[in-house]
Amino acid sequence: LAEWLKTGSYQKLFYDILLDDNCPFDKKTIRSLLHGQTKGRNNSERLFLLVLFELWRLKHAVSI
């Protein structure tokens, strides 16, 4: 997972979901996690869970 998020389509997918204007997460924090991932930090599990939560939230029309 960590390797997938360094470049490519999964990285773009995570950026698109987590930095969308309708995503409720703090953009500064998300950008920091994403940037850290490309620099070798292992934020992949955190990012994966955030993406899963956001996809679940959208599918079930949950607002927070």
C-alpha atoms as a PDB file:
ATOM      1  CA  LEU A   1       0.000   0.000   0.000  1.00  0.00           C
ATOM      2  CA  ALA A   2       2.790   2.414   0.869  1.00  0.00           C
ATOM      3  CA  GLU A   3       4.439   1.865  -2.518  1.00  0.00           C
ATOM      4  CA  TRP A   4       1.141   2.312  -4.380  1.00  0.00           C
ATOM      5  CA  LEU A   5       0.661   5.724  -2.795  1.00  0.00           C
ATOM      6  CA  LYS A   6       4.041   7.130  -3.792  1.00  0.00           C
ATOM      7  CA  THR A   7       3.016   7.613  -7.433  1.00  0.00           C
ATOM      8  CA  GLY A   8       0.448   6.554  -9.972  1.00  0.00           C
ATOM      9  CA  SER A   9      -3.268   6.101 -10.147  1.00  0.00           C
ATOM     10  CA  TYR A  10      -3.808   5.174  -6.487  1.00  0.00           C
ATOM     11  CA  GLN A  11      -2.032   8.317  -5.368  1.00  0.00           C
ATOM     12  CA  LYS A  12      -4.232  10.375  -7.684  1.00  0.00           C
ATOM     13  CA  LEU A  13      -7.351   8.588  -6.412  1.00  0.00           C
ATOM     14  CA  PHE A  14      -6.451   9.336  -2.795  1.00  0.00           C
ATOM     15  CA  TYR A  15      -5.701  12.984  -3.624  1.00  0.00           C
ATOM     16  CA  ASP A  16      -8.976  13.334  -5.536  1.00  0.00           C
ATOM     17  CA  ILE A  17     -11.081  11.856  -2.738  1.00  0.00           C
ATOM     18  CA  LEU A  18      -9.407  13.434   0.280  1.00  0.00           C
ATOM     19  CA  LEU A  19      -8.862  16.905  -1.189  1.00  0.00           C
ATOM     20  CA  ASP A  20     -12.324  17.219  -2.697  1.00  0.00           C
ATOM     21  CA  ASP A  21     -14.135  20.367  -1.563  1.00  0.00           C
ATOM     22  CA  ASN A  22     -16.937  18.250  -0.061  1.00  0.00           C
ATOM     23  CA  CYS A  23     -14.607  16.079   2.005  1.00  0.00           C
ATOM     24  CA  PRO A  24     -14.924  17.140   5.654  1.00  0.00           C
ATOM     25  CA  PHE A  25     -11.318  16.429   6.672  1.00  0.00           C
ATOM     26  CA  ASP A  26      -8.881  19.230   7.382  1.00  0.00           C
ATOM     27  CA  LYS A  27      -7.101  19.897   4.075  1.00  0.00           C
ATOM     28  CA  LYS A  28      -3.867  21.045   5.706  1.00  0.00           C
ATOM     29  CA  THR A  29      -3.609  17.797   7.659  1.00  0.00           C
ATOM     30  CA  ILE A  30      -4.490  15.695   4.622  1.00  0.00           C
ATOM     31  CA  ARG A  31      -1.888  17.477   2.491  1.00  0.00           C
ATOM     32  CA  SER A  32       0.702  16.883   5.210  1.00  0.00           C
ATOM     33  CA  LEU A  33      -0.121  13.160   5.337  1.00  0.00           C
ATOM     34  CA  LEU A  34      -0.026  12.858   1.535  1.00  0.00           C
ATOM     35  CA  HIS A  35       3.205  14.821   1.251  1.00  0.00           C
ATOM     36  CA  GLY A  36       4.809  12.776   4.012  1.00  0.00           C
ATOM     37  CA  GLN A  37       3.828   9.592   2.204  1.00  0.00           C
ATOM     38  CA  THR A  38       5.700  10.677  -0.930  1.00  0.00           C
ATOM     39  CA  LYS A  39       8.748  11.530   1.221  1.00  0.00           C
ATOM     40  CA  GLY A  40       8.963   8.066   2.756  1.00  0.00           C
ATOM     41  CA  ARG A  41       6.803   8.344   5.863  1.00  0.00           C
ATOM     42  CA  ASN A  42       4.329   5.530   6.309  1.00  0.00           C
ATOM     43  CA  ASN A  43       0.944   7.222   6.410  1.00  0.00           C
ATOM     44  CA  SER A  44      -0.602   4.704   4.041  1.00  0.00           C
ATOM     45  CA  GLU A  45      -2.809   2.987   6.614  1.00  0.00           C
ATOM     46  CA  ARG A  46      -4.143   6.303   7.925  1.00  0.00           C
ATOM     47  CA  LEU A  47      -4.812   7.535   4.414  1.00  0.00           C
ATOM     48  CA  PHE A  48      -6.449   4.265   3.409  1.00  0.00           C
ATOM     49  CA  LEU A  49      -8.825   4.408   6.378  1.00  0.00           C
ATOM     50  CA  LEU A  50      -9.689   8.042   5.649  1.00  0.00           C
ATOM     51  CA  VAL A  51     -10.467   7.187   2.033  1.00  0.00           C
ATOM     52  CA  LEU A  52     -12.595   4.205   3.063  1.00  0.00           C
ATOM     53  CA  PHE A  53     -14.501   6.324   5.560  1.00  0.00           C
ATOM     54  CA  GLU A  54     -15.088   9.060   2.998  1.00  0.00           C
ATOM     55  CA  LEU A  55     -16.324   6.596   0.380  1.00  0.00           C
ATOM     56  CA  TRP A  56     -18.655   5.018   2.967  1.00  0.00           C
ATOM     57  CA  ARG A  57     -19.878   8.467   4.029  1.00  0.00           C
ATOM     58  CA  LEU A  58     -20.663   9.423   0.447  1.00  0.00           C
ATOM     59  CA  LYS A  59     -22.382   6.123  -0.374  1.00  0.00           C
ATOM     60  CA  HIS A  60     -24.659   6.364   2.654  1.00  0.00           C
ATOM     61  CA  ALA A  61     -25.186  10.141   2.455  1.00  0.00           C
ATOM     62  CA  VAL A  62     -23.895  10.721   5.972  1.00  0.00           C
ATOM     63  CA  SER A  63     -23.160  14.305   6.886  1.00  0.00           C
ATOM     64  CA  ILE A  64     -20.814  15.350   9.636  1.00  0.00           C
END
